[in-house]
């Protein structure tokens, strides 16, 4: 089971992804298309239900056209 600090980080990251997506006026489907990502999994990321791996985070950064370290700033 994840520690509270880890769960907090995962939820913060999910909120960051949701905020960036909404700032662009994208639906989850739009972001999944841009990043070639599964929409169902993406929804879980945004809700802080899963801990995405580095490859997935890299795909998100590419979809948002930003450097990975900028994506992780929140």
N, C-alpha and C. Protein backbone atom coordinates (compact mmCIF):
# COMPACT_ATOMS: atom_id res chain seq x y z
N UNK A 1 0.84 -1.18 0.00
CA UNK A 1 0.00 0.00 0.00
C UNK A 1 0.89 1.25 0.00
N UNK A 2 0.46 2.26 -0.72
CA UNK A 2 1.24 3.49 -0.82
C UNK A 2 1.17 4.29 0.47
N UNK A 3 2.27 4.93 0.78
CA UNK A 3 2.32 5.83 1.92
C UNK A 3 1.51 7.09 1.60
N UNK A 4 1.09 7.81 2.62
CA UNK A 4 0.30 9.02 2.43
C UNK A 4 1.03 10.04 1.57
N UNK A 5 2.33 10.22 1.78
CA UNK A 5 3.09 11.19 0.98
C UNK A 5 3.09 10.80 -0.49
N UNK A 6 3.23 9.51 -0.76
CA UNK A 6 3.23 9.04 -2.14
C UNK A 6 1.87 9.27 -2.78
N UNK A 7 0.81 8.98 -2.06
CA UNK A 7 -0.54 9.20 -2.58
C UNK A 7 -0.77 10.68 -2.86
N UNK A 8 -0.26 11.53 -2.01
CA UNK A 8 -0.42 12.98 -2.20
C UNK A 8 0.28 13.42 -3.48
N UNK A 9 1.48 12.92 -3.72
CA UNK A 9 2.23 13.27 -4.93
C UNK A 9 1.48 12.81 -6.18
N UNK A 10 0.96 11.60 -6.15
CA UNK A 10 0.23 11.05 -7.29
C UNK A 10 -1.02 11.88 -7.57
N UNK A 11 -1.73 12.28 -6.53
CA UNK A 11 -2.93 13.12 -6.71
C UNK A 11 -2.56 14.50 -7.23
N UNK A 12 -1.47 15.08 -6.73
CA UNK A 12 -1.03 16.40 -7.22
C UNK A 12 -0.67 16.33 -8.70
N UNK A 13 0.02 15.27 -9.08
CA UNK A 13 0.39 15.11 -10.49
C UNK A 13 -0.87 14.99 -11.35
N UNK A 14 -1.83 14.22 -10.90
CA UNK A 14 -3.09 14.08 -11.63
C UNK A 14 -3.80 15.41 -11.81
N UNK A 15 -3.83 16.22 -10.75
CA UNK A 15 -4.45 17.55 -10.85
C UNK A 15 -3.69 18.42 -11.84
N UNK A 16 -2.37 18.29 -11.86
CA UNK A 16 -1.54 19.06 -12.80
C UNK A 16 -1.91 18.69 -14.24
N UNK A 17 -2.05 17.42 -14.51
CA UNK A 17 -2.40 16.96 -15.86
C UNK A 17 -3.78 17.49 -16.24
N UNK A 18 -4.74 17.38 -15.33
CA UNK A 18 -6.10 17.87 -15.60
C UNK A 18 -6.09 19.37 -15.88
N UNK A 19 -5.35 20.12 -15.08
CA UNK A 19 -5.27 21.58 -15.26
C UNK A 19 -4.69 21.92 -16.63
N UNK A 20 -3.58 21.28 -16.99
CA UNK A 20 -2.95 21.55 -18.29
C UNK A 20 -3.90 21.20 -19.44
N UNK A 21 -4.58 20.08 -19.29
CA UNK A 21 -5.53 19.65 -20.33
C UNK A 21 -6.66 20.66 -20.49
N UNK A 22 -7.22 21.09 -19.38
CA UNK A 22 -8.34 22.03 -19.44
C UNK A 22 -7.90 23.41 -19.94
N UNK A 23 -6.68 23.82 -19.60
CA UNK A 23 -6.16 25.10 -20.10
C UNK A 23 -6.12 25.11 -21.62
N UNK A 24 -5.92 23.94 -22.20
CA UNK A 24 -5.87 23.83 -23.66
C UNK A 24 -7.24 23.59 -24.27
N UNK A 25 -8.25 23.43 -23.43
CA UNK A 25 -9.60 23.18 -23.92
C UNK A 25 -9.77 21.77 -24.45
N UNK A 26 -8.93 20.85 -24.00
CA UNK A 26 -8.97 19.48 -24.48
C UNK A 26 -9.84 18.61 -23.59
N UNK A 27 -10.49 17.64 -24.20
CA UNK A 27 -11.15 16.58 -23.47
C UNK A 27 -10.10 15.51 -23.17
N UNK A 28 -10.46 14.55 -22.35
CA UNK A 28 -9.55 13.43 -22.11
C UNK A 28 -9.28 12.71 -23.42
N UNK A 29 -10.29 12.60 -24.24
CA UNK A 29 -10.12 11.96 -25.55
C UNK A 29 -9.11 12.72 -26.42
N UNK A 30 -9.18 14.05 -26.38
CA UNK A 30 -8.23 14.87 -27.15
C UNK A 30 -6.80 14.61 -26.68
N UNK A 31 -6.60 14.62 -25.36
CA UNK A 31 -5.26 14.39 -24.83
C UNK A 31 -4.78 12.98 -25.12
N UNK A 32 -5.67 12.02 -25.01
CA UNK A 32 -5.26 10.64 -25.31
C UNK A 32 -4.84 10.51 -26.77
N UNK A 33 -5.52 11.23 -27.65
CA UNK A 33 -5.16 11.21 -29.07
C UNK A 33 -3.80 11.90 -29.29
N UNK A 34 -3.63 13.07 -28.70
CA UNK A 34 -2.37 13.82 -28.85
C UNK A 34 -1.16 13.02 -28.36
N UNK A 35 -1.34 12.33 -27.23
CA UNK A 35 -0.22 11.59 -26.65
C UNK A 35 -0.19 10.13 -26.98
N UNK A 36 -1.17 9.68 -27.81
CA UNK A 36 -1.31 8.26 -28.15
C UNK A 36 -1.38 7.44 -26.86
N UNK A 37 -2.28 7.88 -25.96
CA UNK A 37 -2.44 7.28 -24.64
C UNK A 37 -3.85 6.73 -24.50
N UNK A 38 -4.02 5.74 -23.65
CA UNK A 38 -5.32 5.16 -23.39
C UNK A 38 -6.15 6.13 -22.54
N UNK A 39 -7.33 6.47 -23.01
CA UNK A 39 -8.18 7.46 -22.33
C UNK A 39 -8.61 6.98 -20.94
N UNK A 40 -8.90 5.70 -20.79
CA UNK A 40 -9.30 5.16 -19.50
C UNK A 40 -8.19 5.28 -18.47
N UNK A 41 -6.98 4.93 -18.88
CA UNK A 41 -5.83 5.04 -17.98
C UNK A 41 -5.56 6.51 -17.67
N UNK A 42 -5.68 7.36 -18.65
CA UNK A 42 -5.47 8.79 -18.46
C UNK A 42 -6.43 9.35 -17.42
N UNK A 43 -7.67 8.91 -17.44
CA UNK A 43 -8.64 9.32 -16.44
C UNK A 43 -8.20 8.90 -15.04
N UNK A 44 -7.64 7.71 -14.93
CA UNK A 44 -7.13 7.25 -13.63
C UNK A 44 -5.94 8.08 -13.17
N UNK A 45 -5.10 8.48 -14.12
CA UNK A 45 -3.96 9.35 -13.77
C UNK A 45 -4.49 10.66 -13.22
N UNK A 46 -5.43 11.26 -13.91
CA UNK A 46 -5.98 12.55 -13.48
C UNK A 46 -6.65 12.46 -12.11
N UNK A 47 -7.25 11.33 -11.80
CA UNK A 47 -7.92 11.16 -10.50
C UNK A 47 -6.95 10.70 -9.41
N UNK A 48 -5.69 10.51 -9.77
CA UNK A 48 -4.70 10.08 -8.78
C UNK A 48 -4.87 8.65 -8.34
N UNK A 49 -5.41 7.82 -9.21
CA UNK A 49 -5.65 6.41 -8.88
C UNK A 49 -4.51 5.49 -9.27
N UNK A 50 -3.64 5.97 -10.17
CA UNK A 50 -2.49 5.16 -10.62
C UNK A 50 -1.23 6.02 -10.60
N UNK A 51 -0.12 5.36 -10.50
CA UNK A 51 1.19 6.01 -10.51
C UNK A 51 1.81 5.76 -11.89
N UNK A 52 1.75 6.74 -12.79
CA UNK A 52 2.26 6.52 -14.15
C UNK A 52 3.78 6.41 -14.17
N UNK A 53 4.26 5.58 -15.07
CA UNK A 53 5.69 5.39 -15.23
C UNK A 53 6.34 6.49 -16.06
N UNK A 54 7.64 6.44 -16.13
CA UNK A 54 8.42 7.46 -16.83
C UNK A 54 8.07 7.55 -18.31
N UNK A 55 7.86 6.43 -18.97
CA UNK A 55 7.51 6.44 -20.39
C UNK A 55 6.18 7.15 -20.60
N UNK A 56 5.22 6.88 -19.72
CA UNK A 56 3.91 7.52 -19.80
C UNK A 56 4.03 9.02 -19.55
N UNK A 57 4.80 9.40 -18.56
CA UNK A 57 5.01 10.82 -18.25
C UNK A 57 5.69 11.52 -19.41
N UNK A 58 6.62 10.85 -20.05
CA UNK A 58 7.29 11.41 -21.23
C UNK A 58 6.30 11.63 -22.36
N UNK A 59 5.38 10.69 -22.56
CA UNK A 59 4.35 10.83 -23.61
C UNK A 59 3.44 12.01 -23.29
N UNK A 60 3.10 12.20 -22.02
CA UNK A 60 2.28 13.35 -21.63
C UNK A 60 3.01 14.66 -21.93
N UNK A 61 4.28 14.73 -21.57
CA UNK A 61 5.06 15.94 -21.82
C UNK A 61 5.10 16.24 -23.32
N UNK A 62 5.28 15.22 -24.12
CA UNK A 62 5.31 15.39 -25.57
C UNK A 62 3.95 15.91 -26.07
N UNK A 63 2.86 15.36 -25.54
CA UNK A 63 1.52 15.79 -25.95
C UNK A 63 1.29 17.27 -25.62
N UNK A 64 1.80 17.69 -24.47
CA UNK A 64 1.65 19.09 -24.05
C UNK A 64 2.73 20.00 -24.65
N UNK A 65 3.62 19.40 -25.44
CA UNK A 65 4.73 20.13 -26.07
C UNK A 65 5.54 20.90 -25.03
N UNK A 66 5.96 20.17 -24.00
CA UNK A 66 6.78 20.78 -22.95
C UNK A 66 7.84 19.78 -22.52
N UNK A 67 8.85 20.30 -21.88
CA UNK A 67 9.90 19.44 -21.35
C UNK A 67 9.34 18.68 -20.15
N UNK A 68 9.85 17.49 -19.93
CA UNK A 68 9.34 16.65 -18.85
C UNK A 68 9.46 17.33 -17.49
N UNK A 69 10.55 18.05 -17.25
CA UNK A 69 10.72 18.70 -15.95
C UNK A 69 9.70 19.84 -15.75
N UNK A 70 9.26 20.46 -16.85
CA UNK A 70 8.21 21.48 -16.74
C UNK A 70 6.86 20.84 -16.41
N UNK A 71 6.64 19.66 -16.93
CA UNK A 71 5.41 18.94 -16.62
C UNK A 71 5.36 18.59 -15.13
N UNK A 72 6.49 18.32 -14.55
CA UNK A 72 6.56 17.89 -13.16
C UNK A 72 6.55 19.05 -12.17
N UNK A 73 6.53 20.28 -12.66
CA UNK A 73 6.45 21.45 -11.78
C UNK A 73 5.01 21.69 -11.37
N UNK A 74 4.75 21.59 -10.10
CA UNK A 74 3.40 21.87 -9.58
C UNK A 74 3.47 22.23 -8.14
